[in-house]
Amino acid sequence: LNDDDALELFKKTLPSPSLLQLKVSAKVVRERAMAALKAASKRSDPRMDLVMLALAGRGNTFEKVLKMIDEMVTLLGKEQGDDDAKKQYC
């Protein structure tokens, strides 16, 4: 496979190397993923149900919920620091 004859045979087999690039929209990717998940969901798996629910949400993502969780973690960290300072004071 490393000699010149193999290279020439390869070049004759594929005369013009070309790549085909396709543009696929997010909607098409989402639909394909949903179809694949539906086909694979012969048994009920709550994780797959959650993924299908997120895909079916049509743009309604969990960004707002994640932002609220991040804010809550920040607030709890600050409160913990305040509690630690108060404990040292007492």
PDB file of N, CA and C in Angstrom:
ATOM      1  N   LEU A   1       0.807  -1.203   0.000  1.00  0.00           N
ATOM      2  CA  LEU A   1       0.000   0.000   0.000  1.00  0.00           C
ATOM      3  C   LEU A   1       0.850   1.267   0.000  1.00  0.00           C
ATOM      4  N   ASN A   2       2.116   1.139   0.252  1.00  0.00           N
ATOM      5  CA  ASN A   2       2.960   2.333   0.324  1.00  0.00           C
ATOM      6  C   ASN A   2       3.738   2.606  -0.960  1.00  0.00           C
ATOM      7  N   ASP A   3       3.623   1.750  -1.939  1.00  0.00           N
ATOM      8  CA  ASP A   3       4.419   1.965  -3.156  1.00  0.00           C
ATOM      9  C   ASP A   3       3.674   2.857  -4.149  1.00  0.00           C
ATOM     10  N   ASP A   4       4.366   3.248  -5.180  1.00  0.00           N
ATOM     11  CA  ASP A   4       3.799   4.169  -6.164  1.00  0.00           C
ATOM     12  C   ASP A   4       2.667   3.552  -6.966  1.00  0.00           C
ATOM     13  N   ASP A   5       2.704   2.240  -7.177  1.00  0.00           N
ATOM     14  CA  ASP A   5       1.628   1.585  -7.932  1.00  0.00           C
ATOM     15  C   ASP A   5       0.293   1.706  -7.202  1.00  0.00           C
ATOM     16  N   ALA A   6       0.319   1.554  -5.884  1.00  0.00           N
ATOM     17  CA  ALA A   6      -0.908   1.678  -5.103  1.00  0.00           C
ATOM     18  C   ALA A   6      -1.451   3.103  -5.185  1.00  0.00           C
ATOM     19  N   LEU A   7      -0.558   4.077  -5.151  1.00  0.00           N
ATOM     20  CA  LEU A   7      -0.981   5.467  -5.256  1.00  0.00           C
ATOM     21  C   LEU A   7      -1.615   5.753  -6.612  1.00  0.00           C
ATOM     22  N   GLU A   8      -1.016   5.228  -7.672  1.00  0.00           N
ATOM     23  CA  GLU A   8      -1.576   5.419  -9.014  1.00  0.00           C
ATOM     24  C   GLU A   8      -2.933   4.750  -9.141  1.00  0.00           C
ATOM     25  N   LEU A   9      -3.074   3.550  -8.573  1.00  0.00           N
ATOM     26  CA  LEU A   9      -4.357   2.852  -8.614  1.00  0.00           C
ATOM     27  C   LEU A   9      -5.415   3.655  -7.855  1.00  0.00           C
ATOM     28  N   PHE A  10      -5.028   4.211  -6.730  1.00  0.00           N
ATOM     29  CA  PHE A  10      -5.953   5.016  -5.947  1.00  0.00           C
ATOM     30  C   PHE A  10      -6.388   6.260  -6.722  1.00  0.00           C
ATOM     31  N   LYS A  11      -5.451   6.906  -7.377  1.00  0.00           N
ATOM     32  CA  LYS A  11      -5.780   8.098  -8.163  1.00  0.00           C
ATOM     33  C   LYS A  11      -6.697   7.780  -9.326  1.00  0.00           C
ATOM     34  N   LYS A  12      -6.513   6.588  -9.932  1.00  0.00           N
ATOM     35  CA  LYS A  12      -7.388   6.197 -11.052  1.00  0.00           C
ATOM     36  C   LYS A  12      -8.786   5.859 -10.551  1.00  0.00           C
ATOM     37  N   THR A  13      -8.883   5.308  -9.351  1.00  0.00           N
ATOM     38  CA  THR A  13     -10.174   4.931  -8.797  1.00  0.00           C
ATOM     39  C   THR A  13     -11.004   6.167  -8.488  1.00  0.00           C
ATOM     40  N   LEU A  14     -10.385   7.154  -7.890  1.00  0.00           N
ATOM     41  CA  LEU A  14     -11.053   8.406  -7.567  1.00  0.00           C
ATOM     42  C   LEU A  14     -10.372   9.517  -8.358  1.00  0.00           C
ATOM     43  N   PRO A  15     -10.841   9.793  -9.562  1.00  0.00           N
ATOM     44  CA  PRO A  15     -10.132  10.733 -10.430  1.00  0.00           C
ATOM     45  C   PRO A  15     -10.053  12.153  -9.883  1.00  0.00           C
ATOM     46  N   SER A  16     -11.097  12.640  -9.295  1.00  0.00           N
ATOM     47  CA  SER A  16     -11.051  14.017  -8.790  1.00  0.00           C
ATOM     48  C   SER A  16     -11.515  14.020  -7.329  1.00  0.00           C
ATOM     49  N   PRO A  17     -10.601  14.211  -6.435  1.00  0.00           N
ATOM     50  CA  PRO A  17     -11.027  14.247  -5.032  1.00  0.00           C
ATOM     51  C   PRO A  17     -11.846  15.501  -4.768  1.00  0.00           C
ATOM     52  N   SER A  18     -13.050  15.288  -4.343  1.00  0.00           N
ATOM     53  CA  SER A  18     -13.917  16.423  -4.041  1.00  0.00           C
ATOM     54  C   SER A  18     -14.716  16.103  -2.790  1.00  0.00           C
ATOM     55  N   LEU A  19     -14.996  17.125  -2.069  1.00  0.00           N
ATOM     56  CA  LEU A  19     -15.790  16.984  -0.857  1.00  0.00           C
ATOM     57  C   LEU A  19     -17.103  17.704  -1.053  1.00  0.00           C
ATOM     58  N   LEU A  20     -18.120  17.131  -0.485  1.00  0.00           N
ATOM     59  CA  LEU A  20     -19.442  17.722  -0.575  1.00  0.00           C
ATOM     60  C   LEU A  20     -19.824  18.226   0.805  1.00  0.00           C
ATOM     61  N   GLN A  21     -20.048  19.481   0.915  1.00  0.00           N
ATOM     62  CA  GLN A  21     -20.416  20.057   2.193  1.00  0.00           C
ATOM     63  C   GLN A  21     -21.894  20.402   2.151  1.00  0.00           C
ATOM     64  N   LEU A  22     -22.598  19.953   3.167  1.00  0.00           N
ATOM     65  CA  LEU A  22     -24.026  20.210   3.255  1.00  0.00           C
ATOM     66  C   LEU A  22     -24.299  21.168   4.397  1.00  0.00           C
ATOM     67  N   LYS A  23     -25.234  22.031   4.197  1.00  0.00           N
ATOM     68  CA  LYS A  23     -25.652  22.923   5.256  1.00  0.00           C
ATOM     69  C   LYS A  23     -26.949  22.376   5.822  1.00  0.00           C
ATOM     70  N   VAL A  24     -26.920  22.089   7.095  1.00  0.00           N
ATOM     71  CA  VAL A  24     -28.088  21.520   7.750  1.00  0.00           C
ATOM     72  C   VAL A  24     -28.503  22.476   8.856  1.00  0.00           C
ATOM     73  N   SER A  25     -29.770  22.800   8.882  1.00  0.00           N
ATOM     74  CA  SER A  25     -30.253  23.735   9.891  1.00  0.00           C
ATOM     75  C   SER A  25     -30.417  23.030  11.237  1.00  0.00           C
ATOM     76  N   ALA A  26     -30.499  23.822  12.265  1.00  0.00           N
ATOM     77  CA  ALA A  26     -30.667  23.275  13.614  1.00  0.00           C
ATOM     78  C   ALA A  26     -31.987  22.532  13.731  1.00  0.00           C
ATOM     79  N   LYS A  27     -32.990  23.012  13.009  1.00  0.00           N
ATOM     80  CA  LYS A  27     -34.297  22.363  13.064  1.00  0.00           C
ATOM     81  C   LYS A  27     -34.221  20.952  12.496  1.00  0.00           C
ATOM     82  N   VAL A  28     -33.508  20.780  11.404  1.00  0.00           N
ATOM     83  CA  VAL A  28     -33.369  19.461  10.788  1.00  0.00           C
ATOM     84  C   VAL A  28     -32.587  18.525  11.711  1.00  0.00           C
ATOM     85  N   VAL A  29     -31.540  19.048  12.323  1.00  0.00           N
ATOM     86  CA  VAL A  29     -30.758  18.232  13.255  1.00  0.00           C
ATOM     87  C   VAL A  29     -31.617  17.812  14.438  1.00  0.00           C
ATOM     88  N   ARG A  30     -32.419  18.745  14.953  1.00  0.00           N
ATOM     89  CA  ARG A  30     -33.302  18.437  16.075  1.00  0.00           C
ATOM     90  C   ARG A  30     -34.317  17.362  15.686  1.00  0.00           C
ATOM     91  N   GLU A  31     -34.875  17.472  14.479  1.00  0.00           N
ATOM     92  CA  GLU A  31     -35.855  16.485  14.023  1.00  0.00           C
ATOM     93  C   GLU A  31     -35.214  15.107  13.855  1.00  0.00           C
ATOM     94  N   ARG A  32     -33.993  15.079  13.304  1.00  0.00           N
ATOM     95  CA  ARG A  32     -33.300  13.795  13.150  1.00  0.00           C
ATOM     96  C   ARG A  32     -32.990  13.164  14.503  1.00  0.00           C
ATOM     97  N   ALA A  33     -32.556  13.989  15.445  1.00  0.00           N
ATOM     98  CA  ALA A  33     -32.247  13.474  16.777  1.00  0.00           C
ATOM     99  C   ALA A  33     -33.504  12.944  17.451  1.00  0.00           C
ATOM    100  N   MET A  34     -34.606  13.655  17.288  1.00  0.00           N
ATOM    101  CA  MET A  34     -35.868  13.211  17.881  1.00  0.00           C
ATOM    102  C   MET A  34     -36.322  11.896  17.266  1.00  0.00           C
ATOM    103  N   ALA A  35     -36.186  11.758  15.957  1.00  0.00           N
ATOM    104  CA  ALA A  35     -36.563  10.511  15.292  1.00  0.00           C
ATOM    105  C   ALA A  35     -35.681   9.351  15.755  1.00  0.00           C
ATOM    106  N   ALA A  36     -34.387   9.607  15.904  1.00  0.00           N
ATOM    107  CA  ALA A  36     -33.480   8.553  16.367  1.00  0.00           C
ATOM    108  C   ALA A  36     -33.802   8.144  17.798  1.00  0.00           C
ATOM    109  N   LEU A  37     -34.124   9.124  18.640  1.00  0.00           N
ATOM    110  CA  LEU A  37     -34.466   8.799  20.024  1.00  0.00           C
ATOM    111  C   LEU A  37     -35.778   8.032  20.114  1.00  0.00           C
ATOM    112  N   LYS A  38     -36.747   8.421  19.284  1.00  0.00           N
ATOM    113  CA  LYS A  38     -38.022   7.699  19.291  1.00  0.00           C
ATOM    114  C   LYS A  38     -37.841   6.262  18.820  1.00  0.00           C
ATOM    115  N   ALA A  39     -37.000   6.078  17.825  1.00  0.00           N
ATOM    116  CA  ALA A  39     -36.747   4.731  17.321  1.00  0.00           C
ATOM    117  C   ALA A  39     -36.009   3.877  18.344  1.00  0.00           C
ATOM    118  N   ALA A  40     -35.155   4.505  19.136  1.00  0.00           N
ATOM    119  CA  ALA A  40     -34.347   3.766  20.108  1.00  0.00           C
ATOM    120  C   ALA A  40     -35.042   3.608  21.454  1.00  0.00           C
ATOM    121  N   SER A  41     -36.166   4.244  21.634  1.00  0.00           N
ATOM    122  CA  SER A  41     -36.815   4.226  22.955  1.00  0.00           C
ATOM    123  C   SER A  41     -37.813   3.074  23.077  1.00  0.00           C
ATOM    124  N   LYS A  42     -37.306   1.878  22.926  1.00  0.00           N
ATOM    125  CA  LYS A  42     -38.162   0.705  23.100  1.00  0.00           C
ATOM    126  C   LYS A  42     -38.454   0.468  24.578  1.00  0.00           C
ATOM    127  N   ARG A  43     -37.483   0.817  25.419  1.00  0.00           N
ATOM    128  CA  ARG A  43     -37.711   0.718  26.852  1.00  0.00           C
ATOM    129  C   ARG A  43     -37.695   2.132  27.422  1.00  0.00           C
ATOM    130  N   SER A  44     -38.429   2.328  28.470  1.00  0.00           N
ATOM    131  CA  SER A  44     -38.563   3.665  29.038  1.00  0.00           C
ATOM    132  C   SER A  44     -37.335   3.997  29.876  1.00  0.00           C
ATOM    133  N   ASP A  45     -36.689   5.070  29.520  1.00  0.00           N
ATOM    134  CA  ASP A  45     -35.528   5.558  30.249  1.00  0.00           C
ATOM    135  C   ASP A  45     -35.786   7.027  30.564  1.00  0.00           C
ATOM    136  N   PRO A  46     -35.843   7.402  31.825  1.00  0.00           N
ATOM    137  CA  PRO A  46     -36.168   8.793  32.158  1.00  0.00           C
ATOM    138  C   PRO A  46     -35.173   9.804  31.584  1.00  0.00           C
ATOM    139  N   ARG A  47     -33.913   9.404  31.428  1.00  0.00           N
ATOM    140  CA  ARG A  47     -32.928  10.322  30.867  1.00  0.00           C
ATOM    141  C   ARG A  47     -33.248  10.616  29.407  1.00  0.00           C
ATOM    142  N   MET A  48     -33.637   9.588  28.665  1.00  0.00           N
ATOM    143  CA  MET A  48     -33.998   9.791  27.257  1.00  0.00           C
ATOM    144  C   MET A  48     -35.282  10.594  27.143  1.00  0.00           C
ATOM    145  N   ASP A  49     -36.209  10.364  28.065  1.00  0.00           N
ATOM    146  CA  ASP A  49     -37.448  11.145  28.061  1.00  0.00           C
ATOM    147  C   ASP A  49     -37.147  12.626  28.277  1.00  0.00           C
ATOM    148  N   LEU A  50     -36.190  12.924  29.154  1.00  0.00           N
ATOM    149  CA  LEU A  50     -35.820  14.310  29.410  1.00  0.00           C
ATOM    150  C   LEU A  50     -35.179  14.944  28.176  1.00  0.00           C
ATOM    151  N   VAL A  51     -34.325  14.187  27.493  1.00  0.00           N
ATOM    152  CA  VAL A  51     -33.694  14.702  26.275  1.00  0.00           C
ATOM    153  C   VAL A  51     -34.750  14.954  25.201  1.00  0.00           C
ATOM    154  N   MET A  52     -35.691  14.017  25.042  1.00  0.00           N
ATOM    155  CA  MET A  52     -36.751  14.210  24.043  1.00  0.00           C
ATOM    156  C   MET A  52     -37.627  15.400  24.409  1.00  0.00           C
ATOM    157  N   LEU A  53     -37.884  15.596  25.700  1.00  0.00           N
ATOM    158  CA  LEU A  53     -38.670  16.745  26.136  1.00  0.00           C
ATOM    159  C   LEU A  53     -37.952  18.046  25.806  1.00  0.00           C
ATOM    160  N   ALA A  54     -36.646  18.070  26.025  1.00  0.00           N
ATOM    161  CA  ALA A  54     -35.866  19.273  25.712  1.00  0.00           C
ATOM    162  C   ALA A  54     -35.851  19.527  24.211  1.00  0.00           C
ATOM    163  N   LEU A  55     -35.753  18.473  23.407  1.00  0.00           N
ATOM    164  CA  LEU A  55     -35.756  18.641  21.951  1.00  0.00           C
ATOM    165  C   LEU A  55     -37.118  19.100  21.442  1.00  0.00           C
ATOM    166  N   ALA A  56     -38.166  18.625  22.078  1.00  0.00           N
ATOM    167  CA  ALA A  56     -39.511  18.985  21.645  1.00  0.00           C
ATOM    168  C   ALA A  56     -39.907  20.384  22.106  1.00  0.00           C
ATOM    169  N   GLY A  57     -39.103  20.979  22.997  1.00  0.00           N
ATOM    170  CA  GLY A  57     -39.437  22.282  23.572  1.00  0.00           C
ATOM    171  C   GLY A  57     -39.410  23.423  22.588  1.00  0.00           C
ATOM    172  N   ARG A  58     -38.786  23.238  21.445  1.00  0.00           N
ATOM    173  CA  ARG A  58     -38.729  24.247  20.386  1.00  0.00           C
ATOM    174  C   ARG A  58     -38.217  25.592  20.881  1.00  0.00           C
ATOM    175  N   GLY A  59     -37.023  25.575  21.402  1.00  0.00           N
ATOM    176  CA  GLY A  59     -36.414  26.822  21.816  1.00  0.00           C
ATOM    177  C   GLY A  59     -36.597  27.142  23.280  1.00  0.00           C
ATOM    178  N   ASN A  60     -37.523  26.497  23.924  1.00  0.00           N
ATOM    179  CA  ASN A  60     -37.712  26.719  25.347  1.00  0.00           C
ATOM    180  C   ASN A  60     -36.661  25.901  26.086  1.00  0.00           C
ATOM    181  N   THR A  61     -35.548  26.524  26.341  1.00  0.00           N
ATOM    182  CA  THR A  61     -34.458  25.805  26.979  1.00  0.00           C
ATOM    183  C   THR A  61     -34.492  26.035  28.482  1.00  0.00           C
ATOM    184  N   PHE A  62     -33.575  25.405  29.141  1.00  0.00           N
ATOM    185  CA  PHE A  62     -33.498  25.510  30.585  1.00  0.00           C
ATOM    186  C   PHE A  62     -32.568  26.646  31.009  1.00  0.00           C
ATOM    187  N   GLU A  63     -32.301  27.584  30.124  1.00  0.00           N
ATOM    188  CA  GLU A  63     -31.369  28.658  30.438  1.00  0.00           C
ATOM    189  C   GLU A  63     -31.836  29.486  31.626  1.00  0.00           C
ATOM    190  N   LYS A  64     -33.111  29.774  31.694  1.00  0.00           N
ATOM    191  CA  LYS A  64     -33.626  30.571  32.797  1.00  0.00           C
ATOM    192  C   LYS A  64     -33.472  29.819  34.116  1.00  0.00           C
ATOM    193  N   VAL A  65     -33.767  28.540  34.099  1.00  0.00           N
ATOM    194  CA  VAL A  65     -33.643  27.731  35.307  1.00  0.00           C
ATOM    195  C   VAL A  65     -32.179  27.627  35.725  1.00  0.00           C
ATOM    196  N   LEU A  66     -31.295  27.406  34.768  1.00  0.00           N
ATOM    197  CA  LEU A  66     -29.870  27.303  35.080  1.00  0.00           C
ATOM    198  C   LEU A  66     -29.337  28.615  35.645  1.00  0.00           C
ATOM    199  N   LYS A  67     -29.811  29.727  35.111  1.00  0.00           N
ATOM    200  CA  LYS A  67     -29.393  31.032  35.625  1.00  0.00           C
ATOM    201  C   LYS A  67     -29.863  31.205  37.065  1.00  0.00           C
ATOM    202  N   MET A  68     -31.093  30.801  37.350  1.00  0.00           N
ATOM    203  CA  MET A  68     -31.615  30.902  38.710  1.00  0.00           C
ATOM    204  C   MET A  68     -30.820  30.012  39.669  1.00  0.00           C
ATOM    205  N   ILE A  69     -30.426  28.826  39.220  1.00  0.00           N
ATOM    206  CA  ILE A  69     -29.633  27.926  40.063  1.00  0.00           C
ATOM    207  C   ILE A  69     -28.270  28.542  40.344  1.00  0.00           C
ATOM    208  N   ASP A  70     -27.645  29.114  39.325  1.00  0.00           N
ATOM    209  CA  ASP A  70     -26.348  29.763  39.520  1.00  0.00           C
ATOM    210  C   ASP A  70     -26.445  30.913  40.513  1.00  0.00           C
ATOM    211  N   GLU A  71     -27.501  31.710  40.397  1.00  0.00           N
ATOM    212  CA  GLU A  71     -27.692  32.816  41.325  1.00  0.00           C
ATOM    213  C   GLU A  71     -27.905  32.305  42.742  1.00  0.00           C
ATOM    214  N   MET A  72     -28.646  31.203  42.883  1.00  0.00           N
ATOM    215  CA  MET A  72     -28.897  30.632  44.203  1.00  0.00           C
ATOM    216  C   MET A  72     -27.600  30.104  44.820  1.00  0.00           C
ATOM    217  N   VAL A  73     -26.761  29.463  44.014  1.00  0.00           N
ATOM    218  CA  VAL A  73     -25.476  28.954  44.514  1.00  0.00           C
ATOM    219  C   VAL A  73     -24.599  30.111  44.974  1.00  0.00           C
ATOM    220  N   THR A  74     -24.580  31.192  44.210  1.00  0.00           N
ATOM    221  CA  THR A  74     -23.800  32.371  44.591  1.00  0.00           C
ATOM    222  C   THR A  74     -24.323  32.961  45.902  1.00  0.00           C
ATOM    223  N   LEU A  75     -25.631  33.066  46.017  1.00  0.00           N
ATOM    224  CA  LEU A  75     -26.241  33.607  47.230  1.00  0.00           C
ATOM    225  C   LEU A  75     -25.944  32.722  48.433  1.00  0.00           C
ATOM    226  N   LEU A  76     -26.061  31.412  48.264  1.00  0.00           N
ATOM    227  CA  LEU A  76     -25.782  30.497  49.369  1.00  0.00           C
ATOM    228  C   LEU A  76     -24.313  30.560  49.790  1.00  0.00           C
ATOM    229  N   GLY A  77     -23.424  30.717  48.827  1.00  0.00           N
ATOM    230  CA  GLY A  77     -22.010  30.862  49.154  1.00  0.00           C
ATOM    231  C   GLY A  77     -21.749  32.118  49.968  1.00  0.00           C
ATOM    232  N   LYS A  78     -22.399  33.221  49.582  1.00  0.00           N
ATOM    233  CA  LYS A  78     -22.249  34.479  50.316  1.00  0.00           C
ATOM    234  C   LYS A  78     -22.817  34.337  51.718  1.00  0.00           C
ATOM    235  N   GLU A  79     -23.997  33.735  51.842  1.00  0.00           N
ATOM    236  CA  GLU A  79     -24.602  33.542  53.160  1.00  0.00           C
ATOM    237  C   GLU A  79     -23.738  32.644  54.041  1.00  0.00           C
ATOM    238  N   GLN A  80     -23.134  31.615  53.454  1.00  0.00           N
ATOM    239  CA  GLN A  80     -22.261  30.736  54.221  1.00  0.00           C
ATOM    240  C   GLN A  80     -21.058  31.512  54.742  1.00  0.00           C
ATOM    241  N   GLY A  81     -20.491  32.372  53.908  1.00  0.00           N
ATOM    242  CA  GLY A  81     -19.383  33.215  54.342  1.00  0.00           C
ATOM    243  C   GLY A  81     -19.792  34.133  55.482  1.00  0.00           C
ATOM    244  N   ASP A  82     -20.983  34.734  55.380  1.00  0.00           N
ATOM    245  CA  ASP A  82     -21.495  35.594  56.453  1.00  0.00           C
ATOM    246  C   ASP A  82     -21.695  34.805  57.741  1.00  0.00           C
ATOM    247  N   ASP A  83     -22.240  33.587  57.621  1.00  0.00           N
ATOM    248  CA  ASP A  83     -22.447  32.739  58.793  1.00  0.00           C
ATOM    249  C   ASP A  83     -21.121  32.359  59.444  1.00  0.00           C
ATOM    250  N   ASP A  84     -20.126  32.053  58.629  1.00  0.00           N
ATOM    251  CA  ASP A  84     -18.813  31.706  59.167  1.00  0.00           C
ATOM    252  C   ASP A  84     -18.194  32.891  59.904  1.00  0.00           C
ATOM    253  N   ALA A  85     -18.338  34.094  59.332  1.00  0.00           N
ATOM    254  CA  ALA A  85     -17.812  35.300  59.981  1.00  0.00           C
ATOM    255  C   ALA A  85     -18.531  35.570  61.286  1.00  0.00           C
ATOM    256  N   LYS A  86     -19.855  35.359  61.304  1.00  0.00           N
ATOM    257  CA  LYS A  86     -20.635  35.583  62.525  1.00  0.00           C
ATOM    258  C   LYS A  86     -20.257  34.560  63.589  1.00  0.00           C
ATOM    259  N   LYS A  87     -20.003  33.326  63.196  1.00  0.00           N
ATOM    260  CA  LYS A  87     -19.612  32.278  64.141  1.00  0.00           C
ATOM    261  C   LYS A  87     -18.271  32.608  64.782  1.00  0.00           C
ATOM    262  N   GLN A  88     -17.336  33.128  63.989  1.00  0.00           N
ATOM    263  CA  GLN A  88     -16.038  33.516  64.530  1.00  0.00           C
ATOM    264  C   GLN A  88     -16.185  34.689  65.487  1.00  0.00           C
ATOM    265  N   TYR A  89     -17.103  35.587  65.182  1.00  0.00           N
ATOM    266  CA  TYR A  89     -17.324  36.760  66.022  1.00  0.00           C
ATOM    267  C   TYR A  89     -17.875  36.353  67.385  1.00  0.00           C
ATOM    268  N   CYS A  90     -18.815  35.417  67.370  1.00  0.00           N
ATOM    269  CA  CYS A  90     -19.449  34.984  68.617  1.00  0.00           C
ATOM    270  C   CYS A  90     -18.480  34.106  69.374  1.00  0.00           C
TER     271      CYS A  90
END
